[in-house]
Amino acid sequence: MANNLRRVLGALLFFGSFVIYGAVFYVAASGELRISERAALASILYGVSWGAFALGSLLLGPEFLESIKKFIKLDSRPSKKD
């Protein structure tokens, strides 16, 4: 049960970190705040996004990160062009 809760919380933080970028865009486009307030709030949201991403990755564990690597399939071999 605790392991499932850890994975659910990790997934929420991991994928929720990308949702925060919508708030960053809203803050940047908002005309109600001064430029300094927009910059400060966008910086805070950006930091929270990376923190949520890192914490979510830790909670999901190394097997999740390996599955992400396999999904992305980073190829380190040089390409052969004709």
C-alpha atoms as a PDB file:
ATOM      1  CA  MET A   1       0.000   0.000   0.000  1.00  0.00           C
ATOM      2  CA  ALA A   2       2.793   2.435   0.903  1.00  0.00           C
ATOM      3  CA  ASN A   3       4.641   1.577  -2.311  1.00  0.00           C
ATOM      4  CA  ASN A   4       1.530   2.335  -4.393  1.00  0.00           C
ATOM      5  CA  LEU A   5       1.039   5.633  -2.580  1.00  0.00           C
ATOM      6  CA  ARG A   6       4.678   6.523  -3.252  1.00  0.00           C
ATOM      7  CA  ARG A   7       4.252   5.786  -6.963  1.00  0.00           C
ATOM      8  CA  VAL A   8       0.981   7.738  -7.239  1.00  0.00           C
ATOM      9  CA  LEU A   9       2.465  10.742  -5.463  1.00  0.00           C
ATOM     10  CA  GLY A  10       5.600  10.477  -7.602  1.00  0.00           C
ATOM     11  CA  ALA A  11       3.547  10.354 -10.812  1.00  0.00           C
ATOM     12  CA  LEU A  12       1.468  13.359  -9.723  1.00  0.00           C
ATOM     13  CA  LEU A  13       4.580  15.377  -8.980  1.00  0.00           C
ATOM     14  CA  PHE A  14       6.405  14.227 -12.124  1.00  0.00           C
ATOM     15  CA  PHE A  15       3.600  14.974 -14.568  1.00  0.00           C
ATOM     16  CA  GLY A  16       2.322  17.927 -12.536  1.00  0.00           C
ATOM     17  CA  SER A  17       5.672  19.632 -12.980  1.00  0.00           C
ATOM     18  CA  PHE A  18       4.835  20.059 -16.668  1.00  0.00           C
ATOM     19  CA  VAL A  19       1.408  21.532 -15.873  1.00  0.00           C
ATOM     20  CA  ILE A  20       3.072  24.350 -13.947  1.00  0.00           C
ATOM     21  CA  TYR A  21       4.388  25.736 -17.241  1.00  0.00           C
ATOM     22  CA  GLY A  22       0.826  26.759 -18.077  1.00  0.00           C
ATOM     23  CA  ALA A  23       0.838  28.929 -14.966  1.00  0.00           C
ATOM     24  CA  VAL A  24       4.217  30.377 -15.973  1.00  0.00           C
ATOM     25  CA  PHE A  25       2.778  31.341 -19.363  1.00  0.00           C
ATOM     26  CA  TYR A  26      -0.279  32.887 -17.715  1.00  0.00           C
ATOM     27  CA  VAL A  27       1.886  34.934 -15.365  1.00  0.00           C
ATOM     28  CA  ALA A  28       4.090  36.092 -18.242  1.00  0.00           C
ATOM     29  CA  ALA A  29       1.062  37.136 -20.304  1.00  0.00           C
ATOM     30  CA  SER A  30      -0.791  38.767 -17.425  1.00  0.00           C
ATOM     31  CA  GLY A  31      -1.033  42.527 -17.684  1.00  0.00           C
ATOM     32  CA  GLU A  32      -2.221  43.000 -14.124  1.00  0.00           C
ATOM     33  CA  LEU A  33       1.240  42.628 -12.570  1.00  0.00           C
ATOM     34  CA  ARG A  34       4.335  44.760 -12.884  1.00  0.00           C
ATOM     35  CA  ILE A  35       7.245  43.331 -14.832  1.00  0.00           C
ATOM     36  CA  SER A  36       9.301  42.724 -11.684  1.00  0.00           C
ATOM     37  CA  GLU A  37       6.386  40.862 -10.063  1.00  0.00           C
ATOM     38  CA  ARG A  38       5.884  38.756 -13.197  1.00  0.00           C
ATOM     39  CA  ALA A  39       9.577  37.885 -13.335  1.00  0.00           C
ATOM     40  CA  ALA A  40       9.686  36.949  -9.657  1.00  0.00           C
ATOM     41  CA  LEU A  41       6.537  34.838  -9.803  1.00  0.00           C
ATOM     42  CA  ALA A  42       7.614  33.108 -13.013  1.00  0.00           C
ATOM     43  CA  SER A  43      11.005  32.316 -11.450  1.00  0.00           C
ATOM     44  CA  ILE A  44       9.367  30.855  -8.349  1.00  0.00           C
ATOM     45  CA  LEU A  45       7.012  28.722 -10.461  1.00  0.00           C
ATOM     46  CA  TYR A  46       9.928  27.552 -12.603  1.00  0.00           C
ATOM     47  CA  GLY A  47      11.846  26.494  -9.474  1.00  0.00           C
ATOM     48  CA  VAL A  48       8.791  24.715  -8.064  1.00  0.00           C
ATOM     49  CA  SER A  49       8.382  22.902 -11.381  1.00  0.00           C
ATOM     50  CA  TRP A  50      11.935  21.573 -11.310  1.00  0.00           C
ATOM     51  CA  GLY A  51      11.609  20.643  -7.640  1.00  0.00           C
ATOM     52  CA  ALA A  52       8.409  18.705  -8.340  1.00  0.00           C
ATOM     53  CA  PHE A  53      10.093  17.007 -11.315  1.00  0.00           C
ATOM     54  CA  ALA A  54      13.091  15.943  -9.223  1.00  0.00           C
ATOM     55  CA  LEU A  55      11.036  14.772  -6.239  1.00  0.00           C
ATOM     56  CA  GLY A  56       8.608  12.907  -8.503  1.00  0.00           C
ATOM     57  CA  SER A  57      11.518  11.187 -10.242  1.00  0.00           C
ATOM     58  CA  LEU A  58      12.956  10.115  -6.902  1.00  0.00           C
ATOM     59  CA  LEU A  59       9.630   8.762  -5.683  1.00  0.00           C
ATOM     60  CA  LEU A  60       8.999   6.838  -8.904  1.00  0.00           C
ATOM     61  CA  GLY A  61      12.375   5.139  -8.649  1.00  0.00           C
ATOM     62  CA  PRO A  62      15.099   4.114 -11.059  1.00  0.00           C
ATOM     63  CA  GLU A  63      12.940   1.621 -12.957  1.00  0.00           C
ATOM     64  CA  PHE A  64      10.648   4.432 -14.108  1.00  0.00           C
ATOM     65  CA  LEU A  65      13.590   6.494 -15.274  1.00  0.00           C
ATOM     66  CA  GLU A  66      14.937   3.497 -17.190  1.00  0.00           C
ATOM     67  CA  SER A  67      11.572   3.085 -18.909  1.00  0.00           C
ATOM     68  CA  ILE A  68      11.664   6.788 -19.859  1.00  0.00           C
ATOM     69  CA  LYS A  69      15.148   6.304 -21.306  1.00  0.00           C
ATOM     70  CA  LYS A  70      13.939   3.317 -23.323  1.00  0.00           C
ATOM     71  CA  PHE A  71      10.949   5.323 -24.540  1.00  0.00           C
ATOM     72  CA  ILE A  72      13.129   8.212 -25.660  1.00  0.00           C
ATOM     73  CA  LYS A  73      15.749   5.751 -26.959  1.00  0.00           C
ATOM     74  CA  LEU A  74      18.796   7.970 -26.913  1.00  0.00           C
ATOM     75  CA  ASP A  75      21.204   6.525 -29.441  1.00  0.00           C
ATOM     76  CA  SER A  76      24.865   7.272 -28.792  1.00  0.00           C
ATOM     77  CA  ARG A  77      26.135   5.664 -31.999  1.00  0.00           C
ATOM     78  CA  PRO A  78      27.185   8.049 -34.764  1.00  0.00           C
ATOM     79  CA  SER A  79      24.811   8.177 -37.691  1.00  0.00           C
ATOM     80  CA  LYS A  80      25.911   6.699 -41.012  1.00  0.00           C
ATOM     81  CA  LYS A  81      25.074   8.987 -43.886  1.00  0.00           C
ATOM     82  CA  ASP A  82      25.590   7.981 -47.495  1.00  0.00           C
END
